[in-house]
Amino acid sequence: MATLSVRLDEELVERASIMAKALSRSTSKQVEHWAKIGEIMEDNPDLPYEFVKQALIAKAEKEAGKLEAYEFD
């Protein structure tokens, strides 16, 4: 992954730092998370945030090999 220095508003970085600490992330990872959520929400304006959040969790579970096949009755 390439790295790039970007100037961000000091207040945004401060809020990201607080959230990052609460969620056990680095400040840069928190900003990346917010950017990812924002991109998804802009691309899918009709989807509620909770749906997007659960979709990201499901993707992470799949990547970790923690999903089981659904059995139809």
N, C-alpha and C. Protein backbone atom coordinates (compact mmCIF):
# COMPACT_ATOMS: atom_id res chain seq x y z
N MET A 1 0.84 -1.17 0.00
CA MET A 1 0.00 0.00 0.00
C MET A 1 0.89 1.24 0.00
N ALA A 2 0.54 2.18 -0.82
CA ALA A 2 1.29 3.42 -0.89
C ALA A 2 0.89 4.34 0.25
N THR A 3 1.82 5.13 0.70
CA THR A 3 1.50 6.11 1.73
C THR A 3 1.61 7.49 1.12
N LEU A 4 0.82 8.41 1.66
CA LEU A 4 0.76 9.77 1.16
C LEU A 4 0.48 10.70 2.33
N SER A 5 1.19 11.77 2.41
CA SER A 5 0.92 12.76 3.44
C SER A 5 -0.19 13.68 2.96
N VAL A 6 -1.18 13.88 3.82
CA VAL A 6 -2.32 14.72 3.49
C VAL A 6 -2.57 15.67 4.64
N ARG A 7 -2.86 16.91 4.34
CA ARG A 7 -3.18 17.88 5.39
C ARG A 7 -4.65 17.73 5.76
N LEU A 8 -4.90 17.56 7.04
CA LEU A 8 -6.26 17.43 7.56
C LEU A 8 -6.51 18.48 8.62
N ASP A 9 -7.76 18.88 8.73
CA ASP A 9 -8.17 19.82 9.74
C ASP A 9 -7.80 19.29 11.13
N GLU A 10 -7.24 20.14 11.95
CA GLU A 10 -6.78 19.73 13.29
C GLU A 10 -7.92 19.15 14.13
N GLU A 11 -9.11 19.73 14.01
CA GLU A 11 -10.26 19.24 14.78
C GLU A 11 -10.66 17.83 14.33
N LEU A 12 -10.60 17.56 13.04
CA LEU A 12 -10.90 16.23 12.52
C LEU A 12 -9.90 15.21 13.06
N VAL A 13 -8.64 15.56 13.05
CA VAL A 13 -7.60 14.66 13.56
C VAL A 13 -7.79 14.41 15.05
N GLU A 14 -8.17 15.45 15.78
CA GLU A 14 -8.40 15.30 17.22
C GLU A 14 -9.57 14.34 17.48
N ARG A 15 -10.68 14.51 16.73
CA ARG A 15 -11.83 13.60 16.89
C ARG A 15 -11.45 12.18 16.49
N ALA A 16 -10.69 12.05 15.40
CA ALA A 16 -10.24 10.72 14.97
C ALA A 16 -9.36 10.07 16.02
N SER A 17 -8.51 10.86 16.64
CA SER A 17 -7.62 10.34 17.68
C SER A 17 -8.40 9.81 18.87
N ILE A 18 -9.44 10.54 19.27
CA ILE A 18 -10.28 10.10 20.40
C ILE A 18 -10.99 8.80 20.04
N MET A 19 -11.61 8.75 18.86
CA MET A 19 -12.32 7.53 18.43
C MET A 19 -11.34 6.37 18.28
N ALA A 20 -10.18 6.65 17.74
CA ALA A 20 -9.17 5.61 17.53
C ALA A 20 -8.76 4.98 18.86
N LYS A 21 -8.56 5.81 19.84
CA LYS A 21 -8.18 5.30 21.16
C LYS A 21 -9.29 4.41 21.73
N ALA A 22 -10.53 4.85 21.59
CA ALA A 22 -11.67 4.09 22.11
C ALA A 22 -11.85 2.76 21.39
N LEU A 23 -11.47 2.72 20.11
CA LEU A 23 -11.68 1.52 19.29
C LEU A 23 -10.40 0.73 19.03
N SER A 24 -9.34 1.07 19.76
CA SER A 24 -8.06 0.37 19.65
C SER A 24 -7.50 0.38 18.22
N ARG A 25 -7.53 1.57 17.62
CA ARG A 25 -6.95 1.77 16.29
C ARG A 25 -5.96 2.91 16.37
N SER A 26 -5.13 3.02 15.35
CA SER A 26 -4.29 4.20 15.23
C SER A 26 -5.15 5.33 14.66
N THR A 27 -4.71 6.55 14.82
CA THR A 27 -5.45 7.69 14.28
C THR A 27 -5.58 7.58 12.78
N SER A 28 -4.51 7.18 12.10
CA SER A 28 -4.58 7.07 10.64
C SER A 28 -5.55 5.97 10.21
N LYS A 29 -5.59 4.87 10.96
CA LYS A 29 -6.55 3.79 10.63
C LYS A 29 -7.98 4.26 10.86
N GLN A 30 -8.20 5.11 11.86
CA GLN A 30 -9.55 5.64 12.10
C GLN A 30 -9.97 6.54 10.94
N VAL A 31 -9.07 7.39 10.47
CA VAL A 31 -9.38 8.25 9.33
C VAL A 31 -9.65 7.39 8.09
N GLU A 32 -8.85 6.34 7.88
CA GLU A 32 -9.09 5.42 6.77
C GLU A 32 -10.47 4.77 6.89
N HIS A 33 -10.83 4.37 8.10
CA HIS A 33 -12.14 3.75 8.33
C HIS A 33 -13.26 4.72 7.96
N TRP A 34 -13.17 5.95 8.45
CA TRP A 34 -14.19 6.94 8.12
C TRP A 34 -14.25 7.19 6.62
N ALA A 35 -13.11 7.23 5.95
CA ALA A 35 -13.09 7.44 4.50
C ALA A 35 -13.76 6.28 3.78
N LYS A 36 -13.48 5.06 4.23
CA LYS A 36 -14.09 3.87 3.63
C LYS A 36 -15.61 3.91 3.78
N ILE A 37 -16.08 4.21 4.99
CA ILE A 37 -17.52 4.30 5.25
C ILE A 37 -18.12 5.40 4.37
N GLY A 38 -17.48 6.53 4.32
CA GLY A 38 -17.98 7.65 3.50
C GLY A 38 -18.07 7.28 2.03
N GLU A 39 -17.07 6.60 1.52
CA GLU A 39 -17.08 6.19 0.11
C GLU A 39 -18.24 5.24 -0.16
N ILE A 40 -18.41 4.25 0.72
CA ILE A 40 -19.50 3.29 0.55
C ILE A 40 -20.85 4.00 0.61
N MET A 41 -21.01 4.90 1.57
CA MET A 41 -22.29 5.60 1.73
C MET A 41 -22.58 6.51 0.53
N GLU A 42 -21.56 7.15 -0.02
CA GLU A 42 -21.77 7.98 -1.21
C GLU A 42 -22.15 7.13 -2.42
N ASP A 43 -21.52 5.95 -2.55
CA ASP A 43 -21.83 5.06 -3.67
C ASP A 43 -23.18 4.39 -3.52
N ASN A 44 -23.70 4.31 -2.30
CA ASN A 44 -24.96 3.62 -2.00
C ASN A 44 -25.82 4.47 -1.08
N PRO A 45 -26.31 5.61 -1.55
CA PRO A 45 -27.00 6.55 -0.68
C PRO A 45 -28.30 6.01 -0.07
N ASP A 46 -28.87 4.97 -0.63
CA ASP A 46 -30.12 4.43 -0.10
C ASP A 46 -29.90 3.42 1.02
N LEU A 47 -28.66 3.00 1.24
CA LEU A 47 -28.40 2.01 2.28
C LEU A 47 -28.21 2.70 3.63
N PRO A 48 -28.83 2.17 4.67
CA PRO A 48 -28.61 2.74 6.00
C PRO A 48 -27.21 2.37 6.52
N TYR A 49 -26.69 3.22 7.40
CA TYR A 49 -25.36 2.99 7.95
C TYR A 49 -25.25 1.61 8.59
N GLU A 50 -26.25 1.19 9.35
CA GLU A 50 -26.18 -0.10 10.05
C GLU A 50 -26.01 -1.26 9.05
N PHE A 51 -26.66 -1.18 7.90
CA PHE A 51 -26.51 -2.21 6.87
C PHE A 51 -25.07 -2.25 6.36
N VAL A 52 -24.51 -1.08 6.08
CA VAL A 52 -23.12 -0.99 5.60
C VAL A 52 -22.18 -1.55 6.66
N LYS A 53 -22.39 -1.18 7.91
CA LYS A 53 -21.55 -1.67 9.00
C LYS A 53 -21.60 -3.20 9.09
N GLN A 54 -22.80 -3.77 9.03
CA GLN A 54 -22.94 -5.22 9.11
C GLN A 54 -22.34 -5.91 7.89
N ALA A 55 -22.43 -5.28 6.72
CA ALA A 55 -21.81 -5.84 5.51
C ALA A 55 -20.29 -5.88 5.66
N LEU A 56 -19.70 -4.84 6.25
CA LEU A 56 -18.25 -4.81 6.47
C LEU A 56 -17.84 -5.87 7.49
N ILE A 57 -18.66 -6.07 8.52
CA ILE A 57 -18.38 -7.11 9.52
C ILE A 57 -18.45 -8.48 8.86
N ALA A 58 -19.48 -8.71 8.04
CA ALA A 58 -19.62 -10.00 7.35
C ALA A 58 -18.44 -10.26 6.43
N LYS A 59 -17.98 -9.23 5.74
CA LYS A 59 -16.81 -9.37 4.85
C LYS A 59 -15.58 -9.76 5.66
N ALA A 60 -15.38 -9.12 6.80
CA ALA A 60 -14.23 -9.43 7.66
C ALA A 60 -14.32 -10.86 8.20
N GLU A 61 -15.53 -11.28 8.57
CA GLU A 61 -15.72 -12.66 9.05
C GLU A 61 -15.42 -13.66 7.94
N LYS A 62 -15.84 -13.36 6.73
CA LYS A 62 -15.56 -14.25 5.60
C LYS A 62 -14.06 -14.35 5.38
N GLU A 63 -13.39 -13.22 5.37
CA GLU A 63 -11.93 -13.21 5.16
C GLU A 63 -11.20 -13.95 6.27
N ALA A 64 -11.78 -13.99 7.46
CA ALA A 64 -11.17 -14.71 8.59
C ALA A 64 -11.58 -16.18 8.62
N GLY A 65 -12.41 -16.59 7.65
CA GLY A 65 -12.84 -17.98 7.59
C GLY A 65 -13.82 -18.36 8.68
N LYS A 66 -14.60 -17.40 9.16
CA LYS A 66 -15.51 -17.64 10.27
C LYS A 66 -16.97 -17.80 9.86
N LEU A 67 -17.25 -17.92 8.58
CA LEU A 67 -18.63 -18.08 8.14
C LEU A 67 -18.93 -19.55 7.88
N GLU A 68 -20.18 -19.90 8.10
CA GLU A 68 -20.65 -21.25 7.83
C GLU A 68 -21.69 -21.19 6.73
N ALA A 69 -21.77 -22.24 5.92
CA ALA A 69 -22.76 -22.31 4.87
C ALA A 69 -24.15 -22.32 5.46
N TYR A 70 -25.07 -21.61 4.85
CA TYR A 70 -26.46 -21.58 5.31
C TYR A 70 -27.19 -22.79 4.77
N GLU A 71 -27.89 -23.49 5.62
CA GLU A 71 -28.64 -24.68 5.22
C GLU A 71 -30.10 -24.29 5.04
N PHE A 72 -30.61 -24.46 3.82
CA PHE A 72 -32.04 -24.23 3.57
C PHE A 72 -32.81 -25.49 3.95
N ASP A 73 -33.94 -25.32 4.59
CA ASP A 73 -34.77 -26.47 4.98
C ASP A 73 -35.73 -26.85 3.88
